[in-house]
Amino acid sequence: MFLEVARHGSFTVAARDLGWTQSAVSRQISALESALGGGPLFDRLPRGVRLTEAGQVLVPHARAVAESLRGAVRELTALREVTGGRLRFGAFASADVALVPWALAAFRARHPGVRVSREEGLTPGLLDRLSAGHLDLAVVSTTGSAPLEAYTLHHLLDEPLYVAVPAGHPLAGRPGPVRLRRFADADWVSG
């Protein structure tokens, strides 16, 4: 408002451009003058107003504040519309190989202005980084012992796991899924 009055040299014209009443603009300028120490920012003339020395000092600062606010509006709009900003995410190894490249390509195609960074890690470490604010989201596994109660989880997929056995193994050739408990007493590493 201050800059509009300064630009037009008139409370009335500034009020019309801003969609305010002249008295509302006058009250706002008086409040600004009081907030800044009580000195006048404008000389009131018979036909309009003119910046005082104090008003002239204030103009570049007011312009900088106005530009800063316009920048903030642009950044907030970009975040809201996902046209800018950043996305920091992490994923556990198998998701980082199988799921993330496809999802990342789709995301970048839809939101090319977003800066993306990613990291790979184990679920507990990714959750720690998420809690600390170093990640915006994490693709994690629910099979470990990491405490998940503090997080909102969105189910992405169920991933079938396979165990390869030699041809002579008792389960070789057996049709259908095999329960993991059948392998409870098996030697997983031999040598």
N, C-alpha and C. Protein backbone atom coordinates (compact mmCIF):
# COMPACT_ATOMS: atom_id res chain seq x y z
N MET A 1 0.82 -1.17 0.00
CA MET A 1 0.00 0.00 0.00
C MET A 1 0.88 1.26 0.00
N PHE A 2 1.91 1.27 0.85
CA PHE A 2 2.83 2.41 0.89
C PHE A 2 3.40 2.68 -0.49
N LEU A 3 3.84 1.63 -1.18
CA LEU A 3 4.44 1.81 -2.51
C LEU A 3 3.43 2.33 -3.52
N GLU A 4 2.18 1.91 -3.40
CA GLU A 4 1.15 2.39 -4.32
C GLU A 4 0.90 3.88 -4.11
N VAL A 5 0.82 4.30 -2.86
CA VAL A 5 0.63 5.73 -2.57
C VAL A 5 1.84 6.52 -3.10
N ALA A 6 3.04 6.00 -2.86
CA ALA A 6 4.25 6.68 -3.34
C ALA A 6 4.25 6.76 -4.86
N ARG A 7 3.84 5.67 -5.51
CA ARG A 7 3.85 5.64 -6.98
C ARG A 7 2.85 6.63 -7.56
N HIS A 8 1.66 6.70 -6.98
CA HIS A 8 0.61 7.56 -7.53
C HIS A 8 0.65 8.98 -6.98
N GLY A 9 1.29 9.17 -5.83
CA GLY A 9 1.28 10.50 -5.22
C GLY A 9 -0.11 10.88 -4.75
N SER A 10 -0.92 9.87 -4.45
CA SER A 10 -2.31 10.15 -4.08
C SER A 10 -2.88 8.98 -3.30
N PHE A 11 -3.50 9.28 -2.15
CA PHE A 11 -4.20 8.24 -1.40
C PHE A 11 -5.41 7.75 -2.19
N THR A 12 -6.09 8.70 -2.85
CA THR A 12 -7.33 8.37 -3.56
C THR A 12 -7.07 7.43 -4.73
N VAL A 13 -6.07 7.74 -5.55
CA VAL A 13 -5.75 6.90 -6.71
C VAL A 13 -5.23 5.54 -6.25
N ALA A 14 -4.37 5.53 -5.23
CA ALA A 14 -3.87 4.25 -4.70
C ALA A 14 -5.03 3.41 -4.17
N ALA A 15 -5.95 4.05 -3.45
CA ALA A 15 -7.10 3.33 -2.91
C ALA A 15 -7.93 2.72 -4.03
N ARG A 16 -8.16 3.48 -5.09
CA ARG A 16 -8.94 2.97 -6.22
C ARG A 16 -8.24 1.76 -6.85
N ASP A 17 -6.93 1.84 -7.06
CA ASP A 17 -6.19 0.72 -7.65
C ASP A 17 -6.20 -0.52 -6.75
N LEU A 18 -6.18 -0.29 -5.45
CA LEU A 18 -6.14 -1.41 -4.50
C LEU A 18 -7.52 -1.95 -4.16
N GLY A 19 -8.56 -1.21 -4.54
CA GLY A 19 -9.92 -1.64 -4.20
C GLY A 19 -10.28 -1.33 -2.75
N TRP A 20 -9.66 -0.32 -2.18
CA TRP A 20 -9.91 0.10 -0.80
C TRP A 20 -10.57 1.48 -0.82
N THR A 21 -11.03 1.91 0.33
CA THR A 21 -11.51 3.28 0.44
C THR A 21 -10.30 4.17 0.73
N GLN A 22 -10.45 5.45 0.40
CA GLN A 22 -9.37 6.40 0.65
C GLN A 22 -9.08 6.50 2.14
N SER A 23 -10.12 6.45 2.96
CA SER A 23 -9.91 6.57 4.41
C SER A 23 -9.18 5.35 4.97
N ALA A 24 -9.44 4.16 4.41
CA ALA A 24 -8.74 2.95 4.86
C ALA A 24 -7.26 3.04 4.52
N VAL A 25 -6.94 3.54 3.33
CA VAL A 25 -5.54 3.71 2.94
C VAL A 25 -4.87 4.73 3.85
N SER A 26 -5.56 5.81 4.13
CA SER A 26 -5.01 6.85 5.01
C SER A 26 -4.74 6.29 6.41
N ARG A 27 -5.66 5.47 6.93
CA ARG A 27 -5.46 4.86 8.25
C ARG A 27 -4.26 3.91 8.24
N GLN A 28 -4.11 3.14 7.18
CA GLN A 28 -2.98 2.20 7.09
C GLN A 28 -1.65 2.95 7.03
N ILE A 29 -1.61 4.03 6.28
CA ILE A 29 -0.37 4.82 6.21
C ILE A 29 -0.08 5.45 7.57
N SER A 30 -1.10 5.94 8.26
CA SER A 30 -0.90 6.49 9.60
C SER A 30 -0.38 5.43 10.56
N ALA A 31 -0.91 4.22 10.46
CA ALA A 31 -0.45 3.12 11.32
C ALA A 31 1.00 2.77 11.00
N LEU A 32 1.38 2.79 9.72
CA LEU A 32 2.76 2.52 9.33
C LEU A 32 3.68 3.61 9.88
N GLU A 33 3.25 4.85 9.75
CA GLU A 33 4.06 5.96 10.28
C GLU A 33 4.27 5.80 11.79
N SER A 34 3.22 5.42 12.50
CA SER A 34 3.34 5.20 13.96
C SER A 34 4.28 4.05 14.27
N ALA A 35 4.15 2.97 13.51
CA ALA A 35 4.99 1.79 13.75
C ALA A 35 6.46 2.09 13.49
N LEU A 36 6.73 3.03 12.61
CA LEU A 36 8.12 3.37 12.26
C LEU A 36 8.66 4.55 13.06
N GLY A 37 8.00 4.94 14.10
CA GLY A 37 8.55 5.98 14.96
C GLY A 37 7.75 7.26 15.00
N GLY A 38 6.69 7.35 14.25
CA GLY A 38 5.81 8.50 14.36
C GLY A 38 6.04 9.63 13.38
N GLY A 39 7.14 9.59 12.64
CA GLY A 39 7.39 10.66 11.66
C GLY A 39 6.58 10.45 10.40
N PRO A 40 6.24 11.53 9.70
CA PRO A 40 5.45 11.39 8.47
C PRO A 40 6.28 10.80 7.33
N LEU A 41 5.63 9.96 6.54
CA LEU A 41 6.25 9.39 5.34
C LEU A 41 5.87 10.19 4.10
N PHE A 42 4.76 10.94 4.22
CA PHE A 42 4.27 11.75 3.10
C PHE A 42 3.96 13.16 3.61
N ASP A 43 4.27 14.14 2.77
CA ASP A 43 3.75 15.49 3.00
C ASP A 43 2.38 15.53 2.35
N ARG A 44 1.39 15.93 3.12
CA ARG A 44 0.03 16.05 2.58
C ARG A 44 -0.07 17.42 1.90
N LEU A 45 -0.39 17.39 0.62
CA LEU A 45 -0.48 18.61 -0.19
C LEU A 45 -1.94 18.86 -0.56
N PRO A 46 -2.25 20.07 -1.06
CA PRO A 46 -3.64 20.32 -1.47
C PRO A 46 -4.12 19.33 -2.53
N ARG A 47 -3.21 18.89 -3.40
CA ARG A 47 -3.60 17.94 -4.45
C ARG A 47 -2.64 16.75 -4.40
N GLY A 48 -2.90 15.84 -3.47
CA GLY A 48 -2.09 14.63 -3.39
C GLY A 48 -1.08 14.67 -2.25
N VAL A 49 -0.08 13.79 -2.39
CA VAL A 49 0.95 13.67 -1.36
C VAL A 49 2.32 13.55 -2.04
N ARG A 50 3.36 13.84 -1.25
CA ARG A 50 4.73 13.72 -1.75
C ARG A 50 5.54 13.05 -0.64
N LEU A 51 6.45 12.16 -1.03
CA LEU A 51 7.30 11.48 -0.06
C LEU A 51 8.14 12.47 0.72
N THR A 52 8.23 12.27 2.03
CA THR A 52 9.17 13.02 2.85
C THR A 52 10.54 12.35 2.69
N GLU A 53 11.54 12.92 3.34
CA GLU A 53 12.86 12.29 3.31
C GLU A 53 12.79 10.89 3.91
N ALA A 54 12.04 10.74 5.00
CA ALA A 54 11.87 9.42 5.63
C ALA A 54 11.17 8.46 4.66
N GLY A 55 10.18 8.94 3.94
CA GLY A 55 9.49 8.11 2.96
C GLY A 55 10.42 7.66 1.85
N GLN A 56 11.30 8.57 1.41
CA GLN A 56 12.26 8.22 0.36
C GLN A 56 13.24 7.15 0.85
N VAL A 57 13.63 7.22 2.11
CA VAL A 57 14.51 6.20 2.68
C VAL A 57 13.79 4.85 2.73
N LEU A 58 12.50 4.88 3.01
CA LEU A 58 11.73 3.64 3.15
C LEU A 58 11.46 2.94 1.81
N VAL A 59 11.37 3.68 0.72
CA VAL A 59 10.99 3.10 -0.58
C VAL A 59 11.83 1.89 -0.97
N PRO A 60 13.16 1.94 -1.00
CA PRO A 60 13.91 0.75 -1.43
C PRO A 60 13.70 -0.45 -0.50
N HIS A 61 13.53 -0.18 0.78
CA HIS A 61 13.27 -1.27 1.72
C HIS A 61 11.90 -1.89 1.46
N ALA A 62 10.93 -1.05 1.21
CA ALA A 62 9.58 -1.54 0.92
C ALA A 62 9.57 -2.35 -0.38
N ARG A 63 10.32 -1.89 -1.36
CA ARG A 63 10.41 -2.65 -2.62
C ARG A 63 11.05 -4.01 -2.39
N ALA A 64 12.10 -4.05 -1.57
CA ALA A 64 12.76 -5.33 -1.28
C ALA A 64 11.81 -6.27 -0.55
N VAL A 65 11.05 -5.75 0.40
CA VAL A 65 10.08 -6.57 1.12
C VAL A 65 9.00 -7.08 0.16
N ALA A 66 8.51 -6.20 -0.70
CA ALA A 66 7.47 -6.60 -1.65
C ALA A 66 8.00 -7.68 -2.60
N GLU A 67 9.23 -7.53 -3.07
CA GLU A 67 9.81 -8.55 -3.96
C GLU A 67 10.02 -9.86 -3.22
N SER A 68 10.44 -9.77 -1.99
CA SER A 68 10.62 -10.98 -1.18
C SER A 68 9.28 -11.71 -0.99
N LEU A 69 8.23 -10.96 -0.75
CA LEU A 69 6.90 -11.57 -0.61
C LEU A 69 6.43 -12.18 -1.93
N ARG A 70 6.69 -11.50 -3.04
CA ARG A 70 6.33 -12.09 -4.35
C ARG A 70 7.10 -13.38 -4.58
N GLY A 71 8.38 -13.41 -4.19
CA GLY A 71 9.18 -14.63 -4.31
C GLY A 71 8.62 -15.74 -3.45
N ALA A 72 8.20 -15.41 -2.24
CA ALA A 72 7.61 -16.42 -1.35
C ALA A 72 6.32 -16.97 -1.95
N VAL A 73 5.51 -16.09 -2.53
CA VAL A 73 4.27 -16.55 -3.17
C VAL A 73 4.59 -17.48 -4.33
N ARG A 74 5.60 -17.14 -5.14
CA ARG A 74 5.99 -18.01 -6.26
C ARG A 74 6.44 -19.38 -5.75
N GLU A 75 7.27 -19.39 -4.71
CA GLU A 75 7.76 -20.66 -4.17
C GLU A 75 6.64 -21.49 -3.57
N LEU A 76 5.74 -20.84 -2.84
CA LEU A 76 4.62 -21.58 -2.24
C LEU A 76 3.68 -22.11 -3.31
N THR A 77 3.47 -21.33 -4.36
CA THR A 77 2.65 -21.80 -5.48
C THR A 77 3.31 -23.00 -6.15
N ALA A 78 4.62 -22.93 -6.35
CA ALA A 78 5.34 -24.05 -6.96
C ALA A 78 5.22 -25.30 -6.10
N LEU A 79 5.31 -25.15 -4.79
CA LEU A 79 5.16 -26.31 -3.91
C LEU A 79 3.75 -26.88 -3.99
N ARG A 80 2.77 -25.98 -3.94
CA ARG A 80 1.37 -26.41 -3.97
C ARG A 80 1.04 -27.10 -5.29
N GLU A 81 1.56 -26.58 -6.37
CA GLU A 81 1.26 -27.13 -7.69
C GLU A 81 2.32 -28.13 -8.15
N VAL A 82 3.26 -28.44 -7.31
CA VAL A 82 4.36 -29.37 -7.59
C VAL A 82 5.06 -29.00 -8.90
N THR A 83 5.33 -27.71 -9.07
CA THR A 83 6.08 -27.26 -10.25
C THR A 83 7.50 -26.90 -9.88
N GLY A 84 7.81 -26.99 -8.62
CA GLY A 84 9.15 -26.65 -8.15
C GLY A 84 9.39 -27.29 -6.80
N GLY A 85 10.46 -26.89 -6.18
CA GLY A 85 10.78 -27.44 -4.87
C GLY A 85 11.71 -28.63 -4.99
N ARG A 86 11.70 -29.44 -3.94
CA ARG A 86 12.59 -30.59 -3.93
C ARG A 86 11.88 -31.77 -3.30
N LEU A 87 12.33 -32.94 -3.65
CA LEU A 87 11.85 -34.19 -3.07
C LEU A 87 13.07 -35.01 -2.71
N ARG A 88 13.19 -35.33 -1.42
CA ARG A 88 14.31 -36.13 -0.93
C ARG A 88 13.73 -37.45 -0.46
N PHE A 89 14.15 -38.54 -1.08
CA PHE A 89 13.59 -39.82 -0.66
C PHE A 89 14.66 -40.89 -0.59
N GLY A 90 14.33 -41.91 0.15
CA GLY A 90 15.23 -43.04 0.29
C GLY A 90 14.46 -44.33 0.07
N ALA A 91 15.19 -45.39 -0.22
CA ALA A 91 14.56 -46.69 -0.46
C ALA A 91 15.54 -47.79 -0.08
N PHE A 92 14.98 -48.94 0.31
CA PHE A 92 15.84 -50.09 0.58
C PHE A 92 16.29 -50.67 -0.76
N ALA A 93 17.34 -51.48 -0.75
CA ALA A 93 18.06 -51.86 -1.97
C ALA A 93 17.19 -52.46 -3.06
N SER A 94 16.39 -53.47 -2.75
CA SER A 94 15.64 -54.11 -3.84
C SER A 94 14.58 -53.17 -4.42
N ALA A 95 13.98 -52.32 -3.59
CA ALA A 95 13.03 -51.33 -4.12
C ALA A 95 13.76 -50.30 -4.97
N ASP A 96 14.98 -49.95 -4.56
CA ASP A 96 15.75 -48.96 -5.30
C ASP A 96 16.12 -49.46 -6.69
N VAL A 97 16.19 -50.77 -6.84
CA VAL A 97 16.51 -51.36 -8.14
C VAL A 97 15.25 -51.59 -8.96
N ALA A 98 14.22 -52.14 -8.34
CA ALA A 98 13.05 -52.59 -9.09
C ALA A 98 11.94 -51.55 -9.20
N LEU A 99 11.68 -50.79 -8.17
CA LEU A 99 10.53 -49.91 -8.14
C LEU A 99 10.88 -48.44 -8.38
N VAL A 100 11.92 -47.97 -7.75
CA VAL A 100 12.25 -46.55 -7.77
C VAL A 100 12.54 -46.00 -9.16
N PRO A 101 13.32 -46.67 -10.01
CA PRO A 101 13.59 -46.07 -11.33
C PRO A 101 12.31 -45.80 -12.13
N TRP A 102 11.38 -46.73 -12.09
CA TRP A 102 10.11 -46.54 -12.81
C TRP A 102 9.32 -45.39 -12.20
N ALA A 103 9.18 -45.39 -10.88
CA ALA A 103 8.42 -44.34 -10.21
C ALA A 103 9.08 -42.98 -10.40
N LEU A 104 10.40 -42.94 -10.33
CA LEU A 104 11.13 -41.69 -10.50
C LEU A 104 10.96 -41.14 -11.91
N ALA A 105 11.01 -41.99 -12.90
CA ALA A 105 10.82 -41.55 -14.29
C ALA A 105 9.42 -40.96 -14.47
N ALA A 106 8.42 -41.62 -13.92
CA ALA A 106 7.04 -41.13 -14.02
C ALA A 106 6.89 -39.79 -13.30
N PHE A 107 7.48 -39.67 -12.11
CA PHE A 107 7.39 -38.43 -11.34
C PHE A 107 8.07 -37.29 -12.09
N ARG A 108 9.27 -37.54 -12.61
CA ARG A 108 10.00 -36.48 -13.33
C ARG A 108 9.27 -36.05 -14.60
N ALA A 109 8.59 -36.98 -15.25
CA ALA A 109 7.84 -36.61 -16.44
C ALA A 109 6.68 -35.68 -16.08
N ARG A 110 6.05 -35.93 -14.95
CA ARG A 110 4.91 -35.10 -14.53
C ARG A 110 5.33 -33.81 -13.84
N HIS A 111 6.51 -33.82 -13.20
CA HIS A 111 6.95 -32.67 -12.40
C HIS A 111 8.42 -32.35 -12.69
N PRO A 112 8.72 -31.88 -13.90
CA PRO A 112 10.13 -31.67 -14.27
C PRO A 112 10.84 -30.59 -13.47
N GLY A 113 10.11 -29.69 -12.84
CA GLY A 113 10.74 -28.61 -12.09
C GLY A 113 11.15 -28.98 -10.67
N VAL A 114 10.81 -30.19 -10.24
CA VAL A 114 11.14 -30.61 -8.87
C VAL A 114 12.53 -31.22 -8.86
N ARG A 115 13.38 -30.74 -7.95
CA ARG A 115 14.72 -31.31 -7.78
C ARG A 115 14.58 -32.56 -6.92
N VAL A 116 15.09 -33.67 -7.42
CA VAL A 116 14.94 -34.94 -6.72
C VAL A 116 16.31 -35.44 -6.28
N SER A 117 16.38 -35.88 -5.03
CA SER A 117 17.58 -36.57 -4.56
C SER A 117 17.13 -37.86 -3.90
N ARG A 118 17.95 -38.90 -4.06
CA ARG A 118 17.57 -40.17 -3.48
C ARG A 118 18.77 -40.82 -2.84
N GLU A 119 18.47 -41.69 -1.90
CA GLU A 119 19.53 -42.45 -1.25
C GLU A 119 19.02 -43.84 -0.95
N GLU A 120 19.95 -44.75 -0.86
CA GLU A 120 19.62 -46.15 -0.58
C GLU A 120 20.09 -46.48 0.83
N GLY A 121 19.31 -47.29 1.53
CA GLY A 121 19.71 -47.68 2.87
C GLY A 121 18.81 -48.77 3.42
N LEU A 122 19.10 -49.17 4.62
CA LEU A 122 18.28 -50.15 5.31
C LEU A 122 17.10 -49.42 5.96
N THR A 123 16.00 -50.13 6.13
CA THR A 123 14.79 -49.52 6.66
C THR A 123 15.01 -48.75 7.96
N PRO A 124 15.68 -49.30 8.97
CA PRO A 124 15.84 -48.51 10.21
C PRO A 124 16.57 -47.18 9.99
N GLY A 125 17.60 -47.20 9.17
CA GLY A 125 18.34 -45.97 8.89
C GLY A 125 17.50 -44.96 8.11
N LEU A 126 16.72 -45.46 7.15
CA LEU A 126 15.85 -44.57 6.37
C LEU A 126 14.80 -43.92 7.27
N LEU A 127 14.25 -44.71 8.19
CA LEU A 127 13.25 -44.16 9.11
C LEU A 127 13.87 -43.12 10.04
N ASP A 128 15.10 -43.36 10.47
CA ASP A 128 15.80 -42.36 11.30
C ASP A 128 15.97 -41.06 10.53
N ARG A 129 16.35 -41.16 9.25
CA ARG A 129 16.56 -39.96 8.43
C ARG A 129 15.24 -39.25 8.14
N LEU A 130 14.17 -40.03 7.99
CA LEU A 130 12.84 -39.46 7.79
C LEU A 130 12.42 -38.69 9.05
N SER A 131 12.62 -39.29 10.21
CA SER A 131 12.27 -38.63 11.48
C SER A 131 13.08 -37.37 11.71
N ALA A 132 14.33 -37.38 11.29
CA ALA A 132 15.21 -36.22 11.49
C ALA A 132 14.95 -35.11 10.47
N GLY A 133 14.07 -35.36 9.49
CA GLY A 133 13.77 -34.35 8.49
C GLY A 133 14.74 -34.31 7.33
N HIS A 134 15.59 -35.34 7.21
CA HIS A 134 16.55 -35.38 6.10
C HIS A 134 15.96 -36.02 4.85
N LEU A 135 14.82 -36.70 5.00
CA LEU A 135 14.10 -37.29 3.88
C LEU A 135 12.65 -36.81 3.94
N ASP A 136 12.02 -36.71 2.76
CA ASP A 136 10.61 -36.36 2.70
C ASP A 136 9.73 -37.61 2.69
N LEU A 137 10.26 -38.70 2.17
CA LEU A 137 9.56 -39.97 2.18
C LEU A 137 10.57 -41.09 2.05
N ALA A 138 10.14 -42.29 2.41
CA ALA A 138 11.03 -43.44 2.32
C ALA A 138 10.22 -44.66 1.90
N VAL A 139 10.78 -45.45 0.99
CA VAL A 139 10.21 -46.74 0.62
C VAL A 139 10.89 -47.75 1.52
N VAL A 140 10.11 -48.35 2.41
CA VAL A 140 10.68 -49.22 3.44
C VAL A 140 10.02 -50.60 3.39
N SER A 141 10.67 -51.52 4.05
CA SER A 141 10.16 -52.88 4.18
C SER A 141 9.54 -53.02 5.56
N THR A 142 8.47 -53.77 5.64
CA THR A 142 7.83 -54.02 6.95
C THR A 142 8.26 -55.36 7.52
N THR A 143 9.22 -56.02 6.90
CA THR A 143 9.62 -57.36 7.35
C THR A 143 10.64 -57.32 8.47
N GLY A 144 11.28 -56.21 8.70
CA GLY A 144 12.31 -56.13 9.74
C GLY A 144 11.71 -55.81 11.10
N SER A 145 12.57 -55.40 11.99
CA SER A 145 12.13 -55.11 13.35
C SER A 145 12.01 -53.61 13.61
N ALA A 146 12.06 -52.79 12.56
CA ALA A 146 11.97 -51.34 12.74
C ALA A 146 10.59 -50.97 13.27
N PRO A 147 10.51 -50.08 14.26
CA PRO A 147 9.21 -49.64 14.77
C PRO A 147 8.52 -48.74 13.75
N LEU A 148 7.34 -49.13 13.32
CA LEU A 148 6.65 -48.40 12.26
C LEU A 148 5.44 -47.61 12.77
N GLU A 149 5.13 -47.72 14.06
CA GLU A 149 3.92 -47.09 14.59
C GLU A 149 3.91 -45.57 14.44
N ALA A 150 5.07 -44.96 14.42
CA ALA A 150 5.16 -43.50 14.37
C ALA A 150 4.99 -42.95 12.95
N TYR A 151 4.79 -43.81 11.98
CA TYR A 151 4.75 -43.38 10.59
C TYR A 151 3.41 -43.73 9.95
N THR A 152 3.04 -42.97 8.95
CA THR A 152 1.89 -43.31 8.13
C THR A 152 2.41 -44.13 6.97
N LEU A 153 1.92 -45.36 6.85
CA LEU A 153 2.39 -46.26 5.81
C LEU A 153 1.33 -46.38 4.71
N HIS A 154 1.79 -46.41 3.48
CA HIS A 154 0.92 -46.64 2.33
C HIS A 154 1.42 -47.89 1.63
N HIS A 155 0.58 -48.88 1.54
CA HIS A 155 0.95 -50.16 0.94
C HIS A 155 1.20 -49.98 -0.55
N LEU A 156 2.37 -50.35 -1.02
CA LEU A 156 2.69 -50.22 -2.44
C LEU A 156 2.48 -51.53 -3.18
N LEU A 157 3.02 -52.61 -2.65
CA LEU A 157 2.89 -53.89 -3.34
C LEU A 157 3.32 -55.02 -2.43
N ASP A 158 2.92 -56.22 -2.80
CA ASP A 158 3.41 -57.43 -2.16
C ASP A 158 4.40 -58.05 -3.13
N GLU A 159 5.57 -58.32 -2.64
CA GLU A 159 6.63 -58.84 -3.49
C GLU A 159 6.84 -60.32 -3.20
N PRO A 160 6.59 -61.18 -4.19
CA PRO A 160 6.84 -62.61 -3.96
C PRO A 160 8.34 -62.87 -3.85
N LEU A 161 8.69 -63.74 -2.94
CA LEU A 161 10.09 -64.13 -2.76
C LEU A 161 10.24 -65.58 -3.20
N TYR A 162 11.37 -65.90 -3.76
CA TYR A 162 11.62 -67.24 -4.26
C TYR A 162 12.86 -67.81 -3.60
N VAL A 163 12.83 -69.11 -3.38
CA VAL A 163 14.00 -69.83 -2.91
C VAL A 163 14.34 -70.85 -3.98
N ALA A 164 15.56 -70.80 -4.45
CA ALA A 164 16.00 -71.77 -5.44
C ALA A 164 16.62 -72.96 -4.70
N VAL A 165 16.22 -74.14 -5.08
CA VAL A 165 16.76 -75.37 -4.47
C VAL A 165 17.31 -76.25 -5.58
N PRO A 166 18.31 -77.07 -5.27
CA PRO A 166 18.84 -77.97 -6.30
C PRO A 166 17.81 -79.03 -6.67
N ALA A 167 18.02 -79.65 -7.81
CA ALA A 167 17.06 -80.64 -8.33
C ALA A 167 16.81 -81.78 -7.36
N GLY A 168 17.77 -82.15 -6.56
CA GLY A 168 17.60 -83.27 -5.64
C GLY A 168 16.96 -82.90 -4.31
N HIS A 169 16.64 -81.66 -4.10
CA HIS A 169 16.05 -81.21 -2.83
C HIS A 169 14.63 -81.75 -2.68
N PRO A 170 14.21 -82.06 -1.45
CA PRO A 170 12.85 -82.59 -1.24
C PRO A 170 11.74 -81.68 -1.75
N LEU A 171 11.98 -80.38 -1.84
CA LEU A 171 10.94 -79.47 -2.32
C LEU A 171 11.02 -79.20 -3.82
N ALA A 172 12.03 -79.74 -4.47
CA ALA A 172 12.17 -79.52 -5.92
C ALA A 172 10.99 -80.14 -6.64
N GLY A 173 10.44 -79.40 -7.59
CA GLY A 173 9.33 -79.90 -8.38
C GLY A 173 7.98 -79.81 -7.68
N ARG A 174 7.94 -79.38 -6.46
CA ARG A 174 6.69 -79.26 -5.72
C ARG A 174 5.91 -78.06 -6.29
N PRO A 175 4.67 -78.26 -6.68
CA PRO A 175 3.90 -77.15 -7.25
C PRO A 175 3.40 -76.19 -6.15
N GLY A 176 3.19 -74.94 -6.53
CA GLY A 176 2.58 -73.96 -5.64
C GLY A 176 3.55 -73.36 -4.65
N PRO A 177 3.03 -72.42 -3.86
CA PRO A 177 3.88 -71.74 -2.88
C PRO A 177 4.27 -72.67 -1.73
N VAL A 178 5.41 -72.37 -1.16
CA VAL A 178 5.92 -73.13 -0.02
C VAL A 178 5.99 -72.17 1.15
N ARG A 179 5.48 -72.57 2.28
CA ARG A 179 5.53 -71.74 3.48
C ARG A 179 6.97 -71.63 3.97
N LEU A 180 7.32 -70.46 4.45
CA LEU A 180 8.67 -70.20 4.93
C LEU A 180 9.04 -71.12 6.09
N ARG A 181 8.07 -71.51 6.88
CA ARG A 181 8.37 -72.38 8.03
C ARG A 181 8.94 -73.72 7.61
N ARG A 182 8.70 -74.13 6.37
CA ARG A 182 9.28 -75.38 5.87
C ARG A 182 10.81 -75.30 5.80
N PHE A 183 11.33 -74.07 5.80
CA PHE A 183 12.78 -73.87 5.71
C PHE A 183 13.40 -73.51 7.06
N ALA A 184 12.62 -73.58 8.13
CA ALA A 184 13.11 -73.16 9.45
C ALA A 184 14.35 -73.91 9.89
N ASP A 185 14.44 -75.18 9.59
CA ASP A 185 15.60 -75.98 10.02
C ASP A 185 16.60 -76.20 8.89
N ALA A 186 16.39 -75.53 7.77
CA ALA A 186 17.28 -75.73 6.62
C ALA A 186 18.60 -74.99 6.83
N ASP A 187 19.65 -75.50 6.20
CA ASP A 187 20.93 -74.80 6.17
C ASP A 187 20.85 -73.76 5.06
N TRP A 188 20.95 -72.50 5.43
CA TRP A 188 20.85 -71.43 4.45
C TRP A 188 22.19 -71.12 3.81
N VAL A 189 23.24 -71.33 4.53
CA VAL A 189 24.57 -71.12 3.98
C VAL A 189 25.35 -72.39 4.25
N SER A 190 25.92 -72.93 3.21
CA SER A 190 26.71 -74.15 3.41
C SER A 190 28.11 -73.92 2.88
N GLY A 191 28.98 -74.82 3.21
CA GLY A 191 30.32 -74.63 2.67
C GLY A 191 31.30 -75.24 3.48
